[in-house]
Amino acid sequence: MEVEVKLRLLDSVSHEKLCSFLSPFHTKTLIQENIFFDGSNSELSSNLAILRVRFSRANGHNPQTILSLKAKPVISDGISRMEEVEEPLDPTLARACIAEPWRLLSVDSSAIIRRVKEEFGLGGRGKGLVCLGGFRNVRAVYEWQGLKLEVDETNYDFGTCYEVECESDDPERDKRLIEKLLEENGIGFSYSETSKFTVFRSGKLPS
């Protein structure tokens, strides 16, 4: 179970102010490309599951390509909880799967793909995958007050969102700490009410 504090920054000015305050605590910046897949009959999304390939790179770090399956998301009062499983994926294969999604179902060594086939019935006749497209994200990572803060600038085809996330074992405590940081520095924010994937599929920015 992945548990995160997720607070939406109101605009680019709020994002810039937060990054400026946190700059002494910066550890790395990741450039991420997120590509999503669903069953040809919406078998995953209709069951609140998300299949994602993420390409991620940062200066001084090896590029990574990660396959993930997320399920049963719940987000309330700025705290997100969902099941998540991740695996490394060959980047050349991952790129090929964008053009030919059926290739992803042929990765027999993947526990995620086995689960997709068994739990959601994909892989049979008329039960293939489709590529939904995706979005890019610039993630600045900071180590602050014992927390790993990830400050996101997410670029959709229809606009840009800003968010701060923090994986947590005590989300209520850590949310209060992050809220205090934002309030004391005059940084506008609200609780995130939907995931980035939901925003992507809606085709419009949160109001």
C-alpha atoms as a PDB file:
ATOM      1  CA  MET A   1       0.000   0.000   0.000  1.00  0.00           C
ATOM      2  CA  GLU A   2       1.390   3.386  -1.061  1.00  0.00           C
ATOM      3  CA  VAL A   3       0.383   6.259   1.232  1.00  0.00           C
ATOM      4  CA  GLU A   4       1.162   9.816   0.184  1.00  0.00           C
ATOM      5  CA  VAL A   5       0.441  13.360   1.238  1.00  0.00           C
ATOM      6  CA  LYS A   6      -0.650  15.182  -1.949  1.00  0.00           C
ATOM      7  CA  LEU A   7      -1.121  18.950  -1.912  1.00  0.00           C
ATOM      8  CA  ARG A   8      -1.868  20.924  -5.071  1.00  0.00           C
ATOM      9  CA  LEU A   9       0.040  24.183  -5.501  1.00  0.00           C
ATOM     10  CA  LEU A  10      -2.258  26.855  -6.860  1.00  0.00           C
ATOM     11  CA  ASP A  11      -0.074  28.230  -9.655  1.00  0.00           C
ATOM     12  CA  SER A  12       3.418  28.635 -11.090  1.00  0.00           C
ATOM     13  CA  VAL A  13       4.205  31.411  -8.589  1.00  0.00           C
ATOM     14  CA  SER A  14       3.458  29.055  -5.671  1.00  0.00           C
ATOM     15  CA  HIS A  15       5.609  26.386  -7.300  1.00  0.00           C
ATOM     16  CA  GLU A  16       8.508  28.800  -7.777  1.00  0.00           C
ATOM     17  CA  LYS A  17       8.295  30.060  -4.183  1.00  0.00           C
ATOM     18  CA  LEU A  18       8.344  26.534  -2.765  1.00  0.00           C
ATOM     19  CA  CYS A  19      11.280  25.429  -4.944  1.00  0.00           C
ATOM     20  CA  SER A  20      13.182  28.577  -3.966  1.00  0.00           C
ATOM     21  CA  PHE A  21      12.661  27.937  -0.241  1.00  0.00           C
ATOM     22  CA  LEU A  22      13.630  24.266  -0.568  1.00  0.00           C
ATOM     23  CA  SER A  23      16.649  24.849  -2.832  1.00  0.00           C
ATOM     24  CA  PRO A  24      19.236  24.226  -0.036  1.00  0.00           C
ATOM     25  CA  PHE A  25      17.674  20.768   0.435  1.00  0.00           C
ATOM     26  CA  HIS A  26      17.599  19.761  -3.244  1.00  0.00           C
ATOM     27  CA  THR A  27      18.916  16.257  -4.053  1.00  0.00           C
ATOM     28  CA  LYS A  28      17.934  15.706  -7.700  1.00  0.00           C
ATOM     29  CA  THR A  29      15.509  16.627 -10.453  1.00  0.00           C
ATOM     30  CA  LEU A  30      13.834  13.885 -12.481  1.00  0.00           C
ATOM     31  CA  ILE A  31      12.443  14.240 -15.985  1.00  0.00           C
ATOM     32  CA  GLN A  32       9.603  11.738 -16.248  1.00  0.00           C
ATOM     33  CA  GLU A  33       7.482  10.538 -19.146  1.00  0.00           C
ATOM     34  CA  ASN A  34       4.368   8.621 -18.107  1.00  0.00           C
ATOM     35  CA  ILE A  35       2.536   6.365 -20.575  1.00  0.00           C
ATOM     36  CA  PHE A  36      -0.673   4.520 -19.669  1.00  0.00           C
ATOM     37  CA  PHE A  37      -2.360   1.378 -20.967  1.00  0.00           C
ATOM     38  CA  ASP A  38      -5.836  -0.052 -20.586  1.00  0.00           C
ATOM     39  CA  GLY A  39      -7.703  -3.073 -21.855  1.00  0.00           C
ATOM     40  CA  SER A  40      -9.399  -2.643 -25.219  1.00  0.00           C
ATOM     41  CA  ASN A  41     -12.721  -2.780 -23.339  1.00  0.00           C
ATOM     42  CA  SER A  42     -11.537  -0.619 -20.405  1.00  0.00           C
ATOM     43  CA  GLU A  43     -10.982  -3.714 -18.256  1.00  0.00           C
ATOM     44  CA  LEU A  44      -8.424  -1.922 -16.042  1.00  0.00           C
ATOM     45  CA  SER A  45      -9.906   1.545 -15.622  1.00  0.00           C
ATOM     46  CA  SER A  46     -13.404   0.180 -15.026  1.00  0.00           C
ATOM     47  CA  ASN A  47     -11.912  -1.714 -12.068  1.00  0.00           C
ATOM     48  CA  LEU A  48      -9.977   1.336 -10.756  1.00  0.00           C
ATOM     49  CA  ALA A  49      -6.635  -0.057 -11.917  1.00  0.00           C
ATOM     50  CA  ILE A  50      -3.861   1.818 -13.725  1.00  0.00           C
ATOM     51  CA  LEU A  51      -1.079   0.227 -15.815  1.00  0.00           C
ATOM     52  CA  ARG A  52       1.780   2.669 -16.389  1.00  0.00           C
ATOM     53  CA  VAL A  53       5.214   2.728 -17.983  1.00  0.00           C
ATOM     54  CA  ARG A  54       7.451   5.514 -16.658  1.00  0.00           C
ATOM     55  CA  PHE A  55      10.669   6.659 -18.298  1.00  0.00           C
ATOM     56  CA  SER A  56      12.733   8.638 -15.793  1.00  0.00           C
ATOM     57  CA  ARG A  57      16.130  10.311 -16.041  1.00  0.00           C
ATOM     58  CA  ALA A  58      18.227  12.723 -14.009  1.00  0.00           C
ATOM     59  CA  ASN A  59      21.697  14.180 -14.443  1.00  0.00           C
ATOM     60  CA  GLY A  60      24.246  11.915 -12.774  1.00  0.00           C
ATOM     61  CA  HIS A  61      21.775   9.050 -12.399  1.00  0.00           C
ATOM     62  CA  ASN A  62      21.095   6.061 -14.624  1.00  0.00           C
ATOM     63  CA  PRO A  63      17.860   6.337 -16.641  1.00  0.00           C
ATOM     64  CA  GLN A  64      15.106   4.062 -15.390  1.00  0.00           C
ATOM     65  CA  THR A  65      12.090   2.498 -17.038  1.00  0.00           C
ATOM     66  CA  ILE A  66       9.497   1.226 -14.583  1.00  0.00           C
ATOM     67  CA  LEU A  67       6.309  -0.752 -15.156  1.00  0.00           C
ATOM     68  CA  SER A  68       3.715  -0.233 -12.428  1.00  0.00           C
ATOM     69  CA  LEU A  69       0.224  -1.392 -11.595  1.00  0.00           C
ATOM     70  CA  LYS A  70      -1.859   0.744  -9.258  1.00  0.00           C
ATOM     71  CA  ALA A  71      -5.239  -0.292  -7.889  1.00  0.00           C
ATOM     72  CA  LYS A  72      -8.004   0.709  -5.470  1.00  0.00           C
ATOM     73  CA  PRO A  73      -7.096   4.407  -5.141  1.00  0.00           C
ATOM     74  CA  VAL A  74      -8.640   6.477  -2.361  1.00  0.00           C
ATOM     75  CA  ILE A  75      -7.809  10.158  -1.881  1.00  0.00           C
ATOM     76  CA  SER A  76      -9.271  12.272   0.896  1.00  0.00           C
ATOM     77  CA  ASP A  77      -8.185  15.498   2.625  1.00  0.00           C
ATOM     78  CA  GLY A  78      -4.860  15.527   0.792  1.00  0.00           C
ATOM     79  CA  ILE A  79      -3.919  11.930   1.642  1.00  0.00           C
ATOM     80  CA  SER A  80      -3.792   9.284  -1.089  1.00  0.00           C
ATOM     81  CA  ARG A  81      -3.819   5.530  -0.489  1.00  0.00           C
ATOM     82  CA  MET A  82      -3.550   2.869  -3.186  1.00  0.00           C
ATOM     83  CA  GLU A  83      -2.051  -0.506  -3.930  1.00  0.00           C
ATOM     84  CA  GLU A  84       1.089  -0.280  -6.055  1.00  0.00           C
ATOM     85  CA  VAL A  85       3.491  -2.831  -7.548  1.00  0.00           C
ATOM     86  CA  GLU A  86       6.549  -1.825  -9.603  1.00  0.00           C
ATOM     87  CA  GLU A  87       9.065  -3.649 -11.780  1.00  0.00           C
ATOM     88  CA  PRO A  88      11.961  -2.548 -14.013  1.00  0.00           C
ATOM     89  CA  LEU A  89      11.265  -2.868 -17.728  1.00  0.00           C
ATOM     90  CA  ASP A  90      13.631  -2.941 -20.684  1.00  0.00           C
ATOM     91  CA  PRO A  91      13.485   0.583 -22.192  1.00  0.00           C
ATOM     92  CA  THR A  92      13.671  -0.590 -25.807  1.00  0.00           C
ATOM     93  CA  LEU A  93      10.777  -2.974 -25.245  1.00  0.00           C
ATOM     94  CA  ALA A  94       8.851  -0.275 -23.425  1.00  0.00           C
ATOM     95  CA  ARG A  95       9.167   2.093 -26.396  1.00  0.00           C
ATOM     96  CA  ALA A  96       8.027  -0.653 -28.752  1.00  0.00           C
ATOM     97  CA  CYS A  97       4.962  -1.267 -26.569  1.00  0.00           C
ATOM     98  CA  ILE A  98       3.757   2.302 -27.086  1.00  0.00           C
ATOM     99  CA  ALA A  99       3.393   1.632 -30.815  1.00  0.00           C
ATOM    100  CA  GLU A 100       2.393  -2.030 -30.403  1.00  0.00           C
ATOM    101  CA  PRO A 101       0.717  -2.503 -26.999  1.00  0.00           C
ATOM    102  CA  TRP A 102       0.265  -6.254 -27.548  1.00  0.00           C
ATOM    103  CA  ARG A 103       4.004  -6.626 -26.898  1.00  0.00           C
ATOM    104  CA  LEU A 104       3.484  -5.762 -23.229  1.00  0.00           C
ATOM    105  CA  LEU A 105       1.254  -8.785 -22.716  1.00  0.00           C
ATOM    106  CA  SER A 106       4.035 -10.984 -24.114  1.00  0.00           C
ATOM    107  CA  VAL A 107       6.390 -10.207 -21.186  1.00  0.00           C
ATOM    108  CA  ASP A 108       5.975 -13.581 -19.501  1.00  0.00           C
ATOM    109  CA  SER A 109       8.640 -12.853 -16.864  1.00  0.00           C
ATOM    110  CA  SER A 110       6.579  -9.990 -15.402  1.00  0.00           C
ATOM    111  CA  ALA A 111       4.499 -10.636 -12.288  1.00  0.00           C
ATOM    112  CA  ILE A 112       2.520  -7.486 -13.097  1.00  0.00           C
ATOM    113  CA  ILE A 113       1.582  -8.753 -16.559  1.00  0.00           C
ATOM    114  CA  ARG A 114       0.625 -12.144 -15.117  1.00  0.00           C
ATOM    115  CA  ARG A 115      -1.683 -10.358 -12.676  1.00  0.00           C
ATOM    116  CA  VAL A 116      -3.157  -8.226 -15.471  1.00  0.00           C
ATOM    117  CA  LYS A 117      -3.960 -11.376 -17.418  1.00  0.00           C
ATOM    118  CA  GLU A 118      -5.318 -13.377 -14.489  1.00  0.00           C
ATOM    119  CA  GLU A 119      -7.175 -10.679 -12.538  1.00  0.00           C
ATOM    120  CA  PHE A 120      -8.514  -8.608 -15.425  1.00  0.00           C
ATOM    121  CA  GLY A 121      -8.817 -11.304 -18.079  1.00  0.00           C
ATOM    122  CA  LEU A 122      -6.530  -9.691 -20.649  1.00  0.00           C
ATOM    123  CA  GLY A 123      -4.559 -11.606 -23.251  1.00  0.00           C
ATOM    124  CA  GLY A 124      -7.301 -13.652 -24.866  1.00  0.00           C
ATOM    125  CA  ARG A 125      -9.124 -13.062 -28.130  1.00  0.00           C
ATOM    126  CA  GLY A 126     -10.418  -9.498 -28.218  1.00  0.00           C
ATOM    127  CA  LYS A 127      -8.849  -8.835 -24.812  1.00  0.00           C
ATOM    128  CA  GLY A 128      -5.769  -6.834 -25.737  1.00  0.00           C
ATOM    129  CA  LEU A 129      -4.170  -3.630 -24.508  1.00  0.00           C
ATOM    130  CA  VAL A 130      -4.433  -0.129 -25.921  1.00  0.00           C
ATOM    131  CA  CYS A 131      -2.050   2.766 -25.300  1.00  0.00           C
ATOM    132  CA  LEU A 132      -3.824   5.794 -23.856  1.00  0.00           C
ATOM    133  CA  GLY A 133      -0.901   8.197 -24.234  1.00  0.00           C
ATOM    134  CA  GLY A 134       0.290  10.185 -21.263  1.00  0.00           C
ATOM    135  CA  PHE A 135       2.067  13.266 -19.967  1.00  0.00           C
ATOM    136  CA  ARG A 136       5.450  14.578 -18.859  1.00  0.00           C
ATOM    137  CA  ASN A 137       6.458  15.525 -15.348  1.00  0.00           C
ATOM    138  CA  VAL A 138       9.420  17.442 -13.902  1.00  0.00           C
ATOM    139  CA  ARG A 139       9.978  16.254 -10.326  1.00  0.00           C
ATOM    140  CA  ALA A 140      12.326  18.127  -8.000  1.00  0.00           C
ATOM    141  CA  VAL A 141      13.252  16.028  -4.951  1.00  0.00           C
ATOM    142  CA  TYR A 142      14.190  17.505  -1.582  1.00  0.00           C
ATOM    143  CA  GLU A 143      15.229  16.054   1.784  1.00  0.00           C
ATOM    144  CA  TRP A 144      13.652  18.369   4.362  1.00  0.00           C
ATOM    145  CA  GLN A 145      12.932  17.828   8.053  1.00  0.00           C
ATOM    146  CA  GLY A 146      13.372  14.080   7.617  1.00  0.00           C
ATOM    147  CA  LEU A 147      10.849  14.031   4.769  1.00  0.00           C
ATOM    148  CA  LYS A 148      11.362  13.316   1.084  1.00  0.00           C
ATOM    149  CA  LEU A 149       9.393  16.029  -0.675  1.00  0.00           C
ATOM    150  CA  GLU A 150       8.673  15.659  -4.387  1.00  0.00           C
ATOM    151  CA  VAL A 151       7.614  18.892  -6.054  1.00  0.00           C
ATOM    152  CA  ASP A 152       5.985  18.243  -9.428  1.00  0.00           C
ATOM    153  CA  GLU A 153       5.404  20.344 -12.527  1.00  0.00           C
ATOM    154  CA  THR A 154       3.105  18.169 -14.629  1.00  0.00           C
ATOM    155  CA  ASN A 155       2.708  19.080 -18.290  1.00  0.00           C
ATOM    156  CA  TYR A 156      -0.480  17.868 -19.973  1.00  0.00           C
ATOM    157  CA  ASP A 157      -1.512  18.680 -23.537  1.00  0.00           C
ATOM    158  CA  PHE A 158      -4.173  20.973 -22.064  1.00  0.00           C
ATOM    159  CA  GLY A 159      -2.138  22.767 -19.385  1.00  0.00           C
ATOM    160  CA  THR A 160       0.197  22.490 -16.394  1.00  0.00           C
ATOM    161  CA  CYS A 161      -0.427  21.477 -12.775  1.00  0.00           C
ATOM    162  CA  TYR A 162       1.815  21.833  -9.734  1.00  0.00           C
ATOM    163  CA  GLU A 163       1.844  19.526  -6.710  1.00  0.00           C
ATOM    164  CA  VAL A 164       3.915  18.524  -3.709  1.00  0.00           C
ATOM    165  CA  GLU A 165       3.905  14.852  -2.685  1.00  0.00           C
ATOM    166  CA  CYS A 166       5.425  12.961   0.215  1.00  0.00           C
ATOM    167  CA  GLU A 167       5.302   9.228   0.873  1.00  0.00           C
ATOM    168  CA  SER A 168       4.612   8.759   4.560  1.00  0.00           C
ATOM    169  CA  ASP A 169       4.143   6.261   7.363  1.00  0.00           C
ATOM    170  CA  ASP A 170       2.342   8.957   9.371  1.00  0.00           C
ATOM    171  CA  PRO A 171       0.496  11.045   6.783  1.00  0.00           C
ATOM    172  CA  GLU A 172      -1.544  13.167   9.194  1.00  0.00           C
ATOM    173  CA  ARG A 173       1.595  14.304  11.034  1.00  0.00           C
ATOM    174  CA  ASP A 174       3.536  14.953   7.843  1.00  0.00           C
ATOM    175  CA  LYS A 175       0.636  16.772   6.203  1.00  0.00           C
ATOM    176  CA  ARG A 176       0.533  19.207   9.131  1.00  0.00           C
ATOM    177  CA  LEU A 177       4.276  19.794   8.811  1.00  0.00           C
ATOM    178  CA  ILE A 178       4.056  20.484   5.069  1.00  0.00           C
ATOM    179  CA  GLU A 179       0.989  22.694   5.497  1.00  0.00           C
ATOM    180  CA  LYS A 180       2.859  24.765   8.080  1.00  0.00           C
ATOM    181  CA  LEU A 181       5.789  25.158   5.668  1.00  0.00           C
ATOM    182  CA  LEU A 182       3.475  26.379   2.912  1.00  0.00           C
ATOM    183  CA  GLU A 183       1.430  28.692   5.137  1.00  0.00           C
ATOM    184  CA  GLU A 184       4.463  30.314   6.767  1.00  0.00           C
ATOM    185  CA  ASN A 185       5.941  31.080   3.354  1.00  0.00           C
ATOM    186  CA  GLY A 186       2.747  32.419   1.809  1.00  0.00           C
ATOM    187  CA  ILE A 187       2.469  29.568  -0.686  1.00  0.00           C
ATOM    188  CA  GLY A 188      -1.034  28.954  -1.986  1.00  0.00           C
ATOM    189  CA  PHE A 189      -2.242  25.353  -1.911  1.00  0.00           C
ATOM    190  CA  SER A 190      -5.262  23.090  -1.666  1.00  0.00           C
ATOM    191  CA  TYR A 191      -5.785  19.392  -1.085  1.00  0.00           C
ATOM    192  CA  SER A 192      -5.369  17.263  -4.195  1.00  0.00           C
ATOM    193  CA  GLU A 193      -8.698  15.622  -4.947  1.00  0.00           C
ATOM    194  CA  THR A 194      -7.729  13.435  -7.913  1.00  0.00           C
ATOM    195  CA  SER A 195      -4.689  11.594  -9.226  1.00  0.00           C
ATOM    196  CA  LYS A 196      -2.602  12.829 -12.156  1.00  0.00           C
ATOM    197  CA  PHE A 197      -4.038   9.972 -14.221  1.00  0.00           C
ATOM    198  CA  THR A 198      -7.592  11.117 -13.502  1.00  0.00           C
ATOM    199  CA  VAL A 199      -6.699  14.663 -14.529  1.00  0.00           C
ATOM    200  CA  PHE A 200      -5.103  13.317 -17.716  1.00  0.00           C
ATOM    201  CA  ARG A 201      -8.196  11.293 -18.609  1.00  0.00           C
ATOM    202  CA  SER A 202     -10.547  14.194 -17.864  1.00  0.00           C
ATOM    203  CA  GLY A 203      -8.781  16.388 -20.411  1.00  0.00           C
ATOM    204  CA  LYS A 204      -8.971  19.473 -18.201  1.00  0.00           C
ATOM    205  CA  LEU A 205      -7.124  20.978 -15.263  1.00  0.00           C
ATOM    206  CA  PRO A 206      -8.648  20.807 -11.754  1.00  0.00           C
ATOM    207  CA  SER A 207     -10.767  23.847 -10.964  1.00  0.00           C
END
